[in-house]
Amino acid sequence: MDITADLRGRLREQSLRFWLGVADRVPEASLHLYDRNVVTGKLRGTDSTAERFNIRDLKTPVGIYPEAQVRSGDVRYLTMEL
């Protein structure tokens, strides 16, 4: 196995372990969006390609959504306490 494939595998495993930990804890998270809005909610996890974040009780400037998916491409960064 070449070193690049080995590193890719390790990074993928670390990423999966991280998201499993997030799913176990369901932390309160702040998502800072490119349009300069900040939305908050309970981060439940992500899809298999990390293209969407699954959020419970998403609080936005226009209201609260009990369940939502936020596209990762719309998020500059997110913060949470684990």
N, C-alpha and C. Protein backbone atom coordinates (compact mmCIF):
# COMPACT_ATOMS: atom_id res chain seq x y z
N MET A 1 0.86 -1.18 0.00
CA MET A 1 0.00 0.00 0.00
C MET A 1 0.89 1.23 0.00
N ASP A 2 0.58 2.19 -0.86
CA ASP A 2 1.42 3.39 -0.87
C ASP A 2 1.07 4.29 0.30
N ILE A 3 1.98 5.18 0.63
CA ILE A 3 1.85 6.02 1.82
C ILE A 3 0.66 6.97 1.73
N THR A 4 0.36 7.46 0.53
CA THR A 4 -0.77 8.37 0.36
C THR A 4 -2.09 7.67 0.68
N ALA A 5 -2.27 6.47 0.20
CA ALA A 5 -3.50 5.72 0.48
C ALA A 5 -3.61 5.42 1.97
N ASP A 6 -2.50 5.12 2.62
CA ASP A 6 -2.49 4.84 4.05
C ASP A 6 -2.91 6.09 4.83
N LEU A 7 -2.34 7.24 4.47
CA LEU A 7 -2.70 8.49 5.14
C LEU A 7 -4.17 8.84 4.92
N ARG A 8 -4.64 8.65 3.70
CA ARG A 8 -6.04 8.92 3.39
C ARG A 8 -6.96 8.05 4.26
N GLY A 9 -6.59 6.79 4.40
CA GLY A 9 -7.37 5.87 5.23
C GLY A 9 -7.39 6.30 6.69
N ARG A 10 -6.25 6.73 7.20
CA ARG A 10 -6.18 7.18 8.60
C ARG A 10 -7.02 8.44 8.81
N LEU A 11 -6.93 9.38 7.88
CA LEU A 11 -7.72 10.60 7.99
C LEU A 11 -9.22 10.30 7.94
N ARG A 12 -9.61 9.40 7.07
CA ARG A 12 -11.02 9.01 6.98
C ARG A 12 -11.50 8.38 8.28
N GLU A 13 -10.67 7.52 8.86
CA GLU A 13 -11.03 6.88 10.13
C GLU A 13 -11.17 7.93 11.24
N GLN A 14 -10.24 8.88 11.31
CA GLN A 14 -10.32 9.94 12.32
C GLN A 14 -11.58 10.77 12.13
N SER A 15 -11.91 11.07 10.89
CA SER A 15 -13.11 11.84 10.60
C SER A 15 -14.36 11.09 11.06
N LEU A 16 -14.43 9.80 10.76
CA LEU A 16 -15.58 9.00 11.17
C LEU A 16 -15.70 8.93 12.69
N ARG A 17 -14.58 8.77 13.38
CA ARG A 17 -14.60 8.73 14.85
C ARG A 17 -15.09 10.07 15.42
N PHE A 18 -14.63 11.17 14.81
CA PHE A 18 -15.06 12.49 15.26
C PHE A 18 -16.58 12.63 15.13
N TRP A 19 -17.13 12.29 13.95
CA TRP A 19 -18.57 12.45 13.73
C TRP A 19 -19.39 11.49 14.58
N LEU A 20 -18.85 10.31 14.89
CA LEU A 20 -19.54 9.40 15.81
C LEU A 20 -19.62 10.03 17.20
N GLY A 21 -18.53 10.68 17.62
CA GLY A 21 -18.52 11.37 18.91
C GLY A 21 -19.53 12.51 18.95
N VAL A 22 -19.62 13.25 17.86
CA VAL A 22 -20.60 14.34 17.77
C VAL A 22 -22.01 13.78 17.88
N ALA A 23 -22.29 12.72 17.16
CA ALA A 23 -23.63 12.12 17.17
C ALA A 23 -24.00 11.61 18.56
N ASP A 24 -23.02 11.13 19.32
CA ASP A 24 -23.28 10.64 20.68
C ASP A 24 -23.62 11.79 21.63
N ARG A 25 -22.99 12.94 21.44
CA ARG A 25 -23.15 14.06 22.38
C ARG A 25 -24.24 15.05 21.98
N VAL A 26 -24.51 15.21 20.70
CA VAL A 26 -25.46 16.19 20.15
C VAL A 26 -25.22 17.57 20.78
N PRO A 27 -24.05 18.17 20.50
CA PRO A 27 -23.71 19.46 21.12
C PRO A 27 -24.46 20.63 20.49
N GLU A 28 -24.60 21.69 21.26
CA GLU A 28 -25.12 22.95 20.74
C GLU A 28 -24.02 23.54 19.86
N ALA A 29 -24.37 23.96 18.66
CA ALA A 29 -23.38 24.47 17.71
C ALA A 29 -23.84 25.80 17.13
N SER A 30 -22.86 26.63 16.79
CA SER A 30 -23.11 27.87 16.06
C SER A 30 -22.50 27.72 14.69
N LEU A 31 -23.30 27.94 13.66
CA LEU A 31 -22.84 27.85 12.28
C LEU A 31 -22.75 29.27 11.73
N HIS A 32 -21.56 29.67 11.34
CA HIS A 32 -21.31 31.00 10.81
C HIS A 32 -21.35 30.89 9.29
N LEU A 33 -22.35 31.55 8.70
CA LEU A 33 -22.62 31.40 7.28
C LEU A 33 -21.92 32.48 6.45
N TYR A 34 -21.79 32.22 5.16
CA TYR A 34 -21.15 33.18 4.26
C TYR A 34 -21.92 34.47 4.12
N ASP A 35 -23.23 34.45 4.36
CA ASP A 35 -24.01 35.69 4.26
C ASP A 35 -23.95 36.50 5.56
N ARG A 36 -23.02 36.15 6.42
CA ARG A 36 -22.74 36.82 7.70
C ARG A 36 -23.80 36.57 8.77
N ASN A 37 -24.71 35.66 8.54
CA ASN A 37 -25.65 35.24 9.57
C ASN A 37 -25.02 34.15 10.41
N VAL A 38 -25.49 34.05 11.65
CA VAL A 38 -25.10 32.96 12.53
C VAL A 38 -26.38 32.25 12.94
N VAL A 39 -26.41 30.94 12.74
CA VAL A 39 -27.55 30.13 13.16
C VAL A 39 -27.06 29.14 14.20
N THR A 40 -27.94 28.73 15.10
CA THR A 40 -27.55 27.81 16.16
C THR A 40 -28.54 26.65 16.23
N GLY A 41 -28.06 25.57 16.82
CA GLY A 41 -28.91 24.41 17.02
C GLY A 41 -28.09 23.25 17.53
N LYS A 42 -28.74 22.12 17.71
CA LYS A 42 -28.06 20.91 18.19
C LYS A 42 -27.54 20.14 16.98
N LEU A 43 -26.24 20.00 16.91
CA LEU A 43 -25.60 19.31 15.79
C LEU A 43 -25.71 17.81 15.99
N ARG A 44 -26.45 17.16 15.12
CA ARG A 44 -26.68 15.72 15.23
C ARG A 44 -25.70 14.91 14.41
N GLY A 45 -25.01 15.54 13.47
CA GLY A 45 -24.06 14.81 12.63
C GLY A 45 -24.04 15.36 11.23
N THR A 46 -23.51 14.56 10.32
CA THR A 46 -23.39 14.94 8.92
C THR A 46 -23.74 13.75 8.05
N ASP A 47 -23.91 13.99 6.77
CA ASP A 47 -24.13 12.87 5.86
C ASP A 47 -22.79 12.20 5.55
N SER A 48 -22.80 11.15 4.77
CA SER A 48 -21.58 10.35 4.55
C SER A 48 -20.50 11.10 3.79
N THR A 49 -20.86 12.15 3.08
CA THR A 49 -19.86 12.91 2.33
C THR A 49 -19.56 14.26 2.97
N ALA A 50 -20.11 14.52 4.15
CA ALA A 50 -19.94 15.78 4.88
C ALA A 50 -20.40 16.98 4.06
N GLU A 51 -21.42 16.78 3.23
CA GLU A 51 -21.97 17.88 2.44
C GLU A 51 -23.15 18.57 3.13
N ARG A 52 -23.73 17.91 4.12
CA ARG A 52 -24.87 18.49 4.85
C ARG A 52 -24.73 18.19 6.34
N PHE A 53 -25.03 19.22 7.15
CA PHE A 53 -25.06 19.05 8.60
C PHE A 53 -26.51 18.86 9.02
N ASN A 54 -26.75 17.90 9.88
CA ASN A 54 -28.09 17.64 10.41
C ASN A 54 -28.22 18.38 11.74
N ILE A 55 -29.20 19.29 11.80
CA ILE A 55 -29.36 20.16 12.96
C ILE A 55 -30.76 20.00 13.53
N ARG A 56 -30.84 19.91 14.85
CA ARG A 56 -32.13 19.88 15.56
C ARG A 56 -32.34 21.25 16.20
N ASP A 57 -33.58 21.73 16.20
CA ASP A 57 -33.95 23.03 16.79
C ASP A 57 -33.08 24.16 16.23
N LEU A 58 -33.03 24.25 14.92
CA LEU A 58 -32.22 25.27 14.24
C LEU A 58 -32.86 26.65 14.43
N LYS A 59 -32.12 27.55 15.07
CA LYS A 59 -32.59 28.92 15.31
C LYS A 59 -31.97 29.83 14.26
N THR A 60 -32.82 30.47 13.46
CA THR A 60 -32.38 31.35 12.38
C THR A 60 -33.02 32.72 12.57
N PRO A 61 -32.57 33.72 11.81
CA PRO A 61 -33.20 35.04 11.92
C PRO A 61 -34.69 35.04 11.55
N VAL A 62 -35.16 34.05 10.79
CA VAL A 62 -36.57 34.04 10.39
C VAL A 62 -37.42 33.02 11.15
N GLY A 63 -36.83 32.31 12.10
CA GLY A 63 -37.62 31.36 12.87
C GLY A 63 -36.82 30.15 13.33
N ILE A 64 -37.53 29.24 13.97
CA ILE A 64 -36.93 28.02 14.50
C ILE A 64 -37.49 26.83 13.72
N TYR A 65 -36.59 25.95 13.31
CA TYR A 65 -36.96 24.75 12.58
C TYR A 65 -36.65 23.54 13.45
N PRO A 66 -37.62 22.64 13.68
CA PRO A 66 -37.38 21.48 14.54
C PRO A 66 -36.29 20.55 14.01
N GLU A 67 -36.22 20.37 12.71
CA GLU A 67 -35.19 19.54 12.07
C GLU A 67 -34.77 20.24 10.79
N ALA A 68 -33.47 20.26 10.50
CA ALA A 68 -33.01 20.91 9.27
C ALA A 68 -31.69 20.30 8.83
N GLN A 69 -31.42 20.46 7.55
CA GLN A 69 -30.12 20.13 7.00
C GLN A 69 -29.54 21.42 6.44
N VAL A 70 -28.29 21.70 6.79
CA VAL A 70 -27.60 22.89 6.31
C VAL A 70 -26.47 22.43 5.40
N ARG A 71 -26.41 22.99 4.21
CA ARG A 71 -25.34 22.61 3.27
C ARG A 71 -23.99 23.10 3.80
N SER A 72 -23.02 22.23 3.82
CA SER A 72 -21.70 22.61 4.33
C SER A 72 -21.08 23.72 3.49
N GLY A 73 -21.42 23.80 2.21
CA GLY A 73 -20.91 24.86 1.35
C GLY A 73 -21.39 26.25 1.74
N ASP A 74 -22.46 26.33 2.53
CA ASP A 74 -22.98 27.62 3.01
C ASP A 74 -22.34 28.05 4.33
N VAL A 75 -21.54 27.17 4.92
CA VAL A 75 -20.98 27.41 6.25
C VAL A 75 -19.50 27.80 6.14
N ARG A 76 -19.16 28.99 6.66
CA ARG A 76 -17.75 29.40 6.71
C ARG A 76 -17.03 28.56 7.76
N TYR A 77 -17.63 28.50 8.96
CA TYR A 77 -17.07 27.66 10.02
C TYR A 77 -18.16 27.42 11.06
N LEU A 78 -17.93 26.41 11.89
CA LEU A 78 -18.86 26.16 12.98
C LEU A 78 -18.09 25.99 14.26
N THR A 79 -18.75 26.33 15.36
CA THR A 79 -18.14 26.17 16.68
C THR A 79 -19.08 25.34 17.54
N MET A 80 -18.47 24.56 18.44
CA MET A 80 -19.24 23.74 19.37
C MET A 80 -18.33 23.32 20.51
N GLU A 81 -18.93 22.95 21.61
CA GLU A 81 -18.18 22.40 22.73
C GLU A 81 -18.49 20.93 22.84
N LEU A 82 -17.44 20.11 22.90
CA LEU A 82 -17.65 18.67 23.03
C LEU A 82 -17.39 18.20 24.44
